[in-house]
Amino acid sequence: MSLNHFCKGMLKELSEKYEVVALSSPGEELGIVAKREGVRTIAVPMERHISLVQDCKSLLKMVRVFRKEKPYMVHSMTPKAGLLCMVAGWLTRVPVRVHTFTGLVWPTSSGLKRKILKLTDKLTCACATHIIPEGEGVKNDLITGKITQKPLKVLGYGNVMGVDMQKFSRRPEVMRIVEEQNLRDTSKFTFLFVGRIVRDKGINELCEAFMRLHQQQPETRLWLVGPYEDGLDPISDEARHTIDQNDGIMAVGKKSGDELLAYYAAADCFVFPSYREGFPNTVLEAGAMGLPSIVTDINGSREIIIEGQNGTIIPSKNAEALYRAMWKIIYDENSREFMANNARRLIGTRFEQGFVRQCLYDFYDEIMEGKLTASDELQNLNTEL
């Protein structure tokens, strides 16, 4: 899924200069990547959760792949794939090993789980030759958490994918869907959330805040666009009941393509009360579609939203603050219109897709010139650990 979503078009562009192989867990989307990008793909089963036995099996399979393929560089992006990829790359002496931290889990964890997660991130960094934090917030967490002493470089203004400003616009094709599905209702103020319907995305607080708001202002509605993940991080029973029973909330499931853009185009405000992120693409997308945003004061979101310019920033896990921000954006029309008019310009100047990708391509060209010796490798690993 990550390859299919984050690397769309990128692998094909890289293939013009390098031989590119895409590796991930098996699945239908890996076949889509192979066909669309024109690259060879390799499937290695990997579990998202900690699973010592399965993780060891995955590591051995990845070691075999690296020994066979003999890559000059490996670049990983997700936590589990990153850990396995960097360790396998170090064991097989892949010269250049890059890992991008798109988000950190341990800052919002506690106890033994926090210690284990920090240890795995330290091991990932110890085995990597180059580390890319997706944003300044992630970079600061890696430093203050003492995860690594290696140089950390944020590319451009941050983010790994960028926004296709032509695609994320109010094109005739998008507005036609808005009209055909009767999404726009000028008599109602519409809040929009796009993401997984899970606890960590702040859905519990969002439901609590909206329920209170809707009781006082019935001409409001909330769209939840995304899948439930009850097996991973379920929302509370109270929040689920609110979603099912409140006539102002519509959980419409996962949307993609122009149908997703139609929801952006028909909404009045984007709301994203997540507990933790690396660099949330949905906030970028909403801004590109001209929406002001209400976000929590977390990594990524605070780097996209400038208070009062394209949205507002509130404390995380705070339903009261969320309620007040939602209330204000409804009734402070001048401020809302100013932020809406400013949103697309700010995203385009900092996170346009071509610019973001060029930053990565330039980084590749820079690091492909260097190569560590085996003695340097061992010394660096010992220092990190």
Protein backbone atom coordinates (compact mmCIF):
# COMPACT_ATOMS: atom_id res chain seq x y z
CA MET A 1 0.00 0.00 0.00
CA SER A 2 2.83 2.43 0.85
CA LEU A 3 4.60 1.75 -2.45
CA ASN A 4 1.36 2.15 -4.38
CA HIS A 5 0.39 5.39 -2.64
CA PHE A 6 3.57 7.25 -1.70
CA CYS A 7 5.70 6.23 -4.69
CA LYS A 8 3.17 6.66 -7.47
CA GLY A 9 5.06 7.81 -10.53
CA MET A 10 8.30 8.12 -8.57
CA LEU A 11 9.65 4.63 -9.26
CA LYS A 12 9.03 5.10 -12.99
CA GLU A 13 10.95 8.38 -12.95
CA LEU A 14 13.83 6.82 -11.01
CA SER A 15 13.98 3.96 -13.52
CA GLU A 16 15.15 6.41 -16.15
CA LYS A 17 18.44 6.72 -14.27
CA TYR A 18 18.72 3.66 -11.99
CA GLU A 19 17.70 0.03 -11.95
CA VAL A 20 14.84 0.00 -9.43
CA VAL A 21 13.38 -2.98 -7.56
CA ALA A 22 10.34 -2.55 -5.29
CA LEU A 23 10.07 -4.83 -2.25
CA SER A 24 7.13 -5.13 0.14
CA SER A 25 4.74 -7.59 1.72
CA PRO A 26 2.77 -9.56 -0.88
CA GLY A 27 -0.58 -8.27 -2.02
CA GLU A 28 -2.68 -7.12 -4.94
CA GLU A 29 -1.24 -3.61 -4.82
CA LEU A 30 2.29 -4.90 -5.41
CA GLY A 31 1.12 -6.14 -8.79
CA ILE A 32 -0.39 -2.73 -9.52
CA VAL A 33 2.95 -1.09 -8.70
CA ALA A 34 4.83 -3.45 -11.03
CA LYS A 35 2.50 -2.77 -13.95
CA ARG A 36 2.14 0.98 -13.50
CA GLU A 37 5.76 1.81 -12.66
CA GLY A 38 7.40 -0.73 -14.96
CA VAL A 39 9.70 -2.03 -12.22
CA ARG A 40 10.49 -5.49 -10.95
CA THR A 41 8.90 -6.36 -7.61
CA ILE A 42 9.78 -8.81 -4.83
CA ALA A 43 7.39 -9.93 -2.08
CA VAL A 44 8.63 -10.62 1.45
CA PRO A 45 5.92 -11.25 4.09
CA MET A 46 6.19 -8.79 6.99
CA GLU A 47 3.94 -8.30 10.02
CA ARG A 48 3.00 -4.76 11.08
CA HIS A 49 2.97 -5.69 14.77
CA ILE A 50 5.85 -7.06 16.84
CA SER A 51 6.08 -10.79 16.15
CA LEU A 52 9.49 -12.18 17.08
CA VAL A 53 9.19 -15.48 15.20
CA GLN A 54 7.67 -14.00 12.05
CA ASP A 55 10.07 -11.03 12.13
CA CYS A 56 13.07 -13.37 12.22
CA LYS A 57 11.66 -15.30 9.25
CA SER A 58 11.13 -12.05 7.35
CA LEU A 59 14.67 -10.92 8.15
CA LEU A 60 16.17 -14.16 6.83
CA LYS A 61 14.15 -13.89 3.62
CA MET A 62 15.25 -10.29 3.15
CA VAL A 63 18.89 -11.25 3.71
CA ARG A 64 18.55 -13.87 0.97
CA VAL A 65 17.03 -11.29 -1.37
CA PHE A 66 19.84 -8.79 -0.75
CA ARG A 67 22.52 -11.44 -1.24
CA LYS A 68 20.97 -12.37 -4.56
CA GLU A 69 20.21 -8.87 -5.83
CA LYS A 70 23.36 -7.16 -4.50
CA PRO A 71 21.85 -3.66 -4.45
CA TYR A 72 24.09 -0.62 -4.15
CA MET A 73 21.42 1.23 -2.18
CA VAL A 74 18.30 0.28 -0.21
CA HIS A 75 15.73 2.84 0.95
CA SER A 76 12.99 1.94 3.45
CA MET A 77 10.06 4.04 4.62
CA THR A 78 7.77 2.21 7.08
CA PRO A 79 8.72 1.16 10.65
CA LYS A 80 8.77 -2.64 10.40
CA ALA A 81 10.11 -2.72 6.83
CA GLY A 82 12.70 -0.15 7.88
CA LEU A 83 13.98 -2.22 10.80
CA LEU A 84 14.22 -5.40 8.74
CA CYS A 85 15.63 -3.65 5.70
CA MET A 86 18.35 -1.77 7.57
CA VAL A 87 19.45 -4.84 9.58
CA ALA A 88 19.45 -7.04 6.46
CA GLY A 89 21.31 -4.33 4.55
CA TRP A 90 23.96 -4.09 7.25
CA LEU A 91 24.37 -7.86 7.47
CA THR A 92 24.85 -8.13 3.70
CA ARG A 93 27.00 -4.99 3.52
CA VAL A 94 24.79 -3.01 1.17
CA PRO A 95 26.92 0.14 0.69
CA VAL A 96 24.18 2.77 1.00
CA ARG A 97 21.26 2.23 3.41
CA VAL A 98 18.68 4.99 3.73
CA HIS A 99 15.70 5.05 6.06
CA THR A 100 12.99 7.70 6.14
CA PHE A 101 11.14 8.17 9.42
CA THR A 102 7.61 9.14 8.39
CA GLY A 103 6.47 9.13 12.01
CA LEU A 104 7.42 7.84 15.45
CA VAL A 105 5.21 5.68 17.64
CA TRP A 106 7.15 5.70 20.90
CA PRO A 107 6.55 9.40 21.86
CA THR A 108 2.89 8.57 22.55
CA SER A 109 3.59 5.16 24.12
CA SER A 110 4.55 4.29 27.68
CA GLY A 111 6.15 1.59 29.81
CA LEU A 112 7.78 -1.46 28.26
CA LYS A 113 6.23 -0.82 24.84
CA ARG A 114 7.89 2.58 24.69
CA LYS A 115 11.29 1.09 25.57
CA ILE A 116 10.95 -1.62 22.93
CA LEU A 117 9.89 0.86 20.24
CA LYS A 118 12.78 3.18 21.05
CA LEU A 119 15.20 0.25 20.92
CA THR A 120 13.96 -0.81 17.48
CA ASP A 121 14.34 2.75 16.17
CA LYS A 122 17.87 2.90 17.61
CA LEU A 123 18.72 -0.37 15.87
CA THR A 124 17.26 0.93 12.59
CA CYS A 125 19.40 4.06 12.83
CA ALA A 126 22.50 2.12 13.89
CA CYS A 127 22.30 -0.02 10.75
CA ALA A 128 21.48 2.86 8.40
CA THR A 129 24.10 4.99 6.65
CA HIS A 130 21.68 7.89 6.05
CA ILE A 131 18.57 8.93 7.98
CA ILE A 132 15.83 11.21 6.65
CA PRO A 133 13.28 12.60 9.13
CA GLU A 134 10.11 13.50 7.22
CA GLY A 135 9.87 16.80 9.07
CA GLU A 136 11.50 18.99 11.69
CA GLY A 137 9.23 17.57 14.42
CA VAL A 138 10.35 14.01 13.71
CA LYS A 139 13.95 15.23 13.61
CA ASN A 140 13.62 16.87 17.02
CA ASP A 141 12.08 13.71 18.51
CA LEU A 142 14.95 11.60 17.21
CA ILE A 143 17.44 14.01 18.79
CA THR A 144 15.71 14.59 22.13
CA GLY A 145 14.88 10.88 22.42
CA LYS A 146 18.57 10.11 21.90
CA ILE A 147 17.72 7.66 19.12
CA THR A 148 20.80 8.46 17.06
CA GLN A 149 23.82 10.75 16.90
CA LYS A 150 24.10 10.51 13.13
CA PRO A 151 23.42 13.56 10.93
CA LEU A 152 19.72 14.06 10.22
CA LYS A 153 18.58 15.85 7.09
CA VAL A 154 15.05 17.04 6.35
CA LEU A 155 14.63 17.34 2.59
CA GLY A 156 13.10 20.64 1.47
CA TYR A 157 10.28 21.66 3.80
CA GLY A 158 9.58 18.03 4.70
CA ASN A 159 7.11 15.38 3.46
CA VAL A 160 7.89 12.33 1.32
CA MET A 161 5.28 12.58 -1.40
CA GLY A 162 4.29 16.17 -2.07
CA VAL A 163 1.01 17.25 -3.59
CA ASP A 164 0.07 17.03 -7.25
CA MET A 165 -1.44 20.52 -7.44
CA GLN A 166 -3.08 19.85 -10.78
CA LYS A 167 -4.82 16.73 -9.50
CA PHE A 168 -5.80 18.26 -6.16
CA SER A 169 -7.83 21.11 -7.55
CA ARG A 170 -11.47 21.87 -8.21
CA ARG A 171 -11.36 20.45 -11.71
CA PRO A 172 -14.57 20.03 -13.75
CA GLU A 173 -14.35 16.25 -13.28
CA VAL A 174 -14.32 16.67 -9.50
CA MET A 175 -17.09 19.25 -9.39
CA ARG A 176 -19.24 17.01 -11.60
CA ILE A 177 -19.08 14.30 -8.93
CA VAL A 178 -20.01 16.86 -6.27
CA GLU A 179 -23.10 17.73 -8.28
CA GLU A 180 -24.05 14.17 -9.26
CA GLN A 181 -23.82 12.92 -5.66
CA ASN A 182 -25.45 16.06 -4.20
CA LEU A 183 -22.55 16.49 -1.80
CA ARG A 184 -22.69 20.26 -1.51
CA ASP A 185 -25.38 21.70 0.76
CA THR A 186 -25.00 25.43 1.37
CA SER A 187 -27.51 25.28 4.23
CA LYS A 188 -25.13 23.09 6.28
CA PHE A 189 -21.60 23.74 7.48
CA THR A 190 -19.58 20.64 6.66
CA PHE A 191 -16.53 19.41 8.56
CA LEU A 192 -14.41 16.74 6.88
CA PHE A 193 -12.04 14.13 8.33
CA VAL A 194 -9.99 11.87 6.03
CA GLY A 195 -7.98 9.01 7.50
CA ARG A 196 -8.29 5.74 9.37
CA ILE A 197 -11.17 5.69 11.86
CA VAL A 198 -9.01 4.80 14.88
CA ARG A 199 -8.33 6.12 18.36
CA ASP A 200 -4.91 7.60 17.50
CA LYS A 201 -6.47 9.87 14.88
CA GLY A 202 -8.45 11.62 17.61
CA ILE A 203 -11.82 10.23 16.56
CA ASN A 204 -13.01 9.88 20.18
CA GLU A 205 -12.46 13.59 20.81
CA LEU A 206 -13.86 14.53 17.41
CA CYS A 207 -17.10 12.67 18.09
CA GLU A 208 -17.42 14.24 21.54
CA ALA A 209 -16.79 17.75 20.23
CA PHE A 210 -19.10 17.40 17.25
CA MET A 211 -21.95 15.90 19.28
CA ARG A 212 -21.88 18.95 21.54
CA LEU A 213 -21.64 21.32 18.57
CA HIS A 214 -24.47 19.62 16.70
CA GLN A 215 -26.78 19.86 19.68
CA GLN A 216 -26.35 23.63 19.66
CA GLN A 217 -26.12 24.05 15.90
CA PRO A 218 -28.09 21.32 14.06
CA GLU A 219 -27.16 22.77 10.65
CA THR A 220 -23.71 21.22 10.84
CA ARG A 221 -22.47 17.88 9.61
CA LEU A 222 -19.32 15.79 9.83
CA TRP A 223 -18.03 13.46 7.14
CA LEU A 224 -15.67 10.66 8.17
CA VAL A 225 -13.85 9.35 5.11
CA GLY A 226 -11.76 6.27 5.78
CA PRO A 227 -11.85 2.67 7.01
CA TYR A 228 -12.36 1.37 10.54
CA GLU A 229 -9.43 -0.64 11.91
CA ASP A 230 -11.03 -2.30 14.93
CA GLY A 231 -8.33 -4.97 15.12
CA LEU A 232 -5.49 -2.47 15.44
CA ASP A 233 -6.61 0.67 17.27
CA PRO A 234 -10.37 0.71 17.86
CA ILE A 235 -12.25 3.83 18.85
CA SER A 236 -14.29 3.86 22.06
CA ASP A 237 -17.76 2.33 22.28
CA GLU A 238 -19.12 5.80 23.00
CA ALA A 239 -17.60 7.23 19.83
CA ARG A 240 -18.87 4.31 17.75
CA HIS A 241 -22.36 4.82 19.19
CA THR A 242 -22.20 8.54 18.38
CA ILE A 243 -21.22 7.83 14.78
CA ASP A 244 -24.03 5.31 14.38
CA GLN A 245 -26.74 7.38 16.05
CA ASN A 246 -25.97 11.04 15.30
CA ASP A 247 -27.74 12.10 12.11
CA GLY A 248 -25.12 14.79 11.50
CA ILE A 249 -22.27 12.29 11.15
CA MET A 250 -21.76 10.27 8.00
CA ALA A 251 -19.07 7.58 7.92
CA VAL A 252 -18.74 6.98 4.18
CA GLY A 253 -15.84 4.51 4.18
CA LYS A 254 -12.66 4.70 2.16
CA LYS A 255 -12.67 6.91 -0.94
CA SER A 256 -10.03 7.46 -3.58
CA GLY A 257 -9.38 9.33 -6.80
CA ASP A 258 -11.73 12.08 -7.87
CA GLU A 259 -14.45 10.77 -5.56
CA LEU A 260 -12.24 11.59 -2.57
CA LEU A 261 -11.48 15.00 -4.04
CA ALA A 262 -15.19 15.63 -4.37
CA TYR A 263 -15.56 15.35 -0.59
CA TYR A 264 -12.76 17.88 -0.13
CA ALA A 265 -14.42 20.19 -2.66
CA ALA A 266 -17.82 19.97 -1.00
CA ALA A 267 -16.61 20.56 2.58
CA ASP A 268 -16.12 23.85 4.44
CA CYS A 269 -13.36 22.89 6.89
CA PHE A 270 -10.93 20.03 7.32
CA VAL A 271 -10.47 18.69 10.86
CA PHE A 272 -7.61 16.41 11.85
CA PRO A 273 -7.25 15.88 15.63
CA SER A 274 -4.59 13.15 15.44
CA TYR A 275 -2.38 12.21 18.41
CA ARG A 276 0.75 11.64 16.35
CA GLU A 277 1.92 11.91 12.75
CA GLY A 278 5.04 12.14 10.71
CA PHE A 279 3.73 14.44 8.01
CA PRO A 280 -0.01 13.99 7.32
CA ASN A 281 -0.71 14.04 3.60
CA THR A 282 -4.42 14.60 4.13
CA VAL A 283 -3.72 18.02 5.68
CA LEU A 284 -1.66 18.88 2.61
CA GLU A 285 -4.42 17.64 0.31
CA ALA A 286 -7.11 19.61 2.12
CA GLY A 287 -5.03 22.78 1.85
CA ALA A 288 -4.44 22.19 -1.86
CA MET A 289 -8.22 21.94 -2.26
CA GLY A 290 -8.63 25.32 -0.59
CA LEU A 291 -9.84 24.20 2.84
CA PRO A 292 -8.88 25.79 6.15
CA SER A 293 -7.83 23.15 8.68
CA ILE A 294 -8.16 22.51 12.39
CA VAL A 295 -5.22 20.35 13.48
CA THR A 296 -3.57 19.28 16.72
CA ASP A 297 -0.18 20.54 17.86
CA ILE A 298 1.82 17.52 16.67
CA ASN A 299 4.68 16.77 14.30
CA GLY A 300 3.86 17.45 10.68
CA SER A 301 0.57 19.22 11.25
CA ARG A 302 2.25 22.16 12.97
CA GLU A 303 4.70 22.36 10.03
CA ILE A 304 1.91 22.57 7.45
CA ILE A 305 -0.52 24.86 9.25
CA ILE A 306 0.46 28.43 10.10
CA GLU A 307 -1.84 29.70 12.84
CA GLY A 308 -4.38 32.11 11.42
CA GLN A 309 -2.98 31.86 7.90
CA ASN A 310 -4.34 28.54 6.60
CA GLY A 311 -5.86 27.03 9.72
CA THR A 312 -5.71 26.79 13.47
CA ILE A 313 -3.72 24.57 15.85
CA ILE A 314 -5.16 23.14 19.09
CA PRO A 315 -3.81 20.89 21.87
CA SER A 316 -3.95 17.13 21.24
CA LYS A 317 -6.47 14.92 23.06
CA ASN A 318 -8.57 17.93 24.04
CA ALA A 319 -12.24 17.71 23.07
CA GLU A 320 -13.02 21.10 24.63
CA ALA A 321 -10.39 22.90 22.53
CA LEU A 322 -11.59 21.08 19.43
CA TYR A 323 -15.20 22.09 20.11
CA ARG A 324 -14.21 25.75 20.54
CA ALA A 325 -12.14 25.74 17.34
CA MET A 326 -14.99 24.19 15.36
CA TRP A 327 -17.45 26.70 16.78
CA LYS A 328 -15.16 29.65 15.97
CA ILE A 329 -14.49 28.63 12.38
CA ILE A 330 -18.25 28.46 11.73
CA TYR A 331 -19.01 31.92 13.03
CA ASP A 332 -15.81 33.88 12.28
CA GLU A 333 -16.58 34.12 8.57
CA ASN A 334 -13.90 36.71 7.73
CA SER A 335 -11.13 34.65 9.30
CA ARG A 336 -12.40 31.46 7.67
CA GLU A 337 -12.50 33.00 4.20
CA PHE A 338 -9.03 34.48 4.63
CA MET A 339 -7.58 31.09 5.61
CA ALA A 340 -9.43 29.31 2.80
CA ASN A 341 -8.15 31.78 0.21
CA ASN A 342 -4.61 31.41 1.56
CA ALA A 343 -4.54 27.62 1.93
CA ARG A 344 -3.83 26.50 -1.63
CA ARG A 345 -1.09 29.10 -2.18
CA LEU A 346 0.80 28.08 0.96
CA ILE A 347 0.73 24.39 0.03
CA GLY A 348 1.81 25.07 -3.55
CA THR A 349 4.83 27.14 -2.54
CA ARG A 350 6.22 24.58 -0.09
CA PHE A 351 4.93 21.10 -0.93
CA GLU A 352 4.32 20.88 -4.67
CA GLN A 353 5.07 17.29 -5.72
CA GLY A 354 7.71 18.06 -8.32
CA PHE A 355 9.71 20.10 -5.82
CA VAL A 356 9.47 17.45 -3.08
CA ARG A 357 10.59 14.67 -5.42
CA GLN A 358 13.45 16.71 -6.85
CA CYS A 359 14.77 17.20 -3.32
CA LEU A 360 14.90 13.39 -2.94
CA TYR A 361 16.48 12.83 -6.36
CA ASP A 362 19.18 15.40 -5.57
CA PHE A 363 19.81 13.63 -2.27
CA TYR A 364 20.20 10.30 -4.07
CA ASP A 365 22.75 11.80 -6.47
CA GLU A 366 24.67 13.22 -3.52
CA ILE A 367 24.88 10.07 -1.41
CA MET A 368 25.51 7.64 -4.26
CA GLU A 369 29.03 9.03 -4.50
CA GLY A 370 30.11 7.81 -1.03
CA LYS A 371 30.83 4.33 0.26
CA LEU A 372 31.81 3.14 3.76
CA THR A 373 34.45 0.51 4.35
CA ALA A 374 33.75 -2.59 6.46
CA SER A 375 35.87 -1.24 9.34
CA ASP A 376 33.97 2.08 9.28
CA GLU A 377 30.72 0.12 9.37
CA LEU A 378 31.59 -1.88 12.45
CA GLN A 379 32.91 1.17 14.31
CA ASN A 380 29.77 3.20 13.53
CA LEU A 381 27.46 0.39 14.63
CA ASN A 382 29.29 -0.07 17.93
CA THR A 383 29.09 3.69 18.57
CA GLU A 384 25.35 3.78 17.91
CA LEU A 385 24.52 0.79 20.08
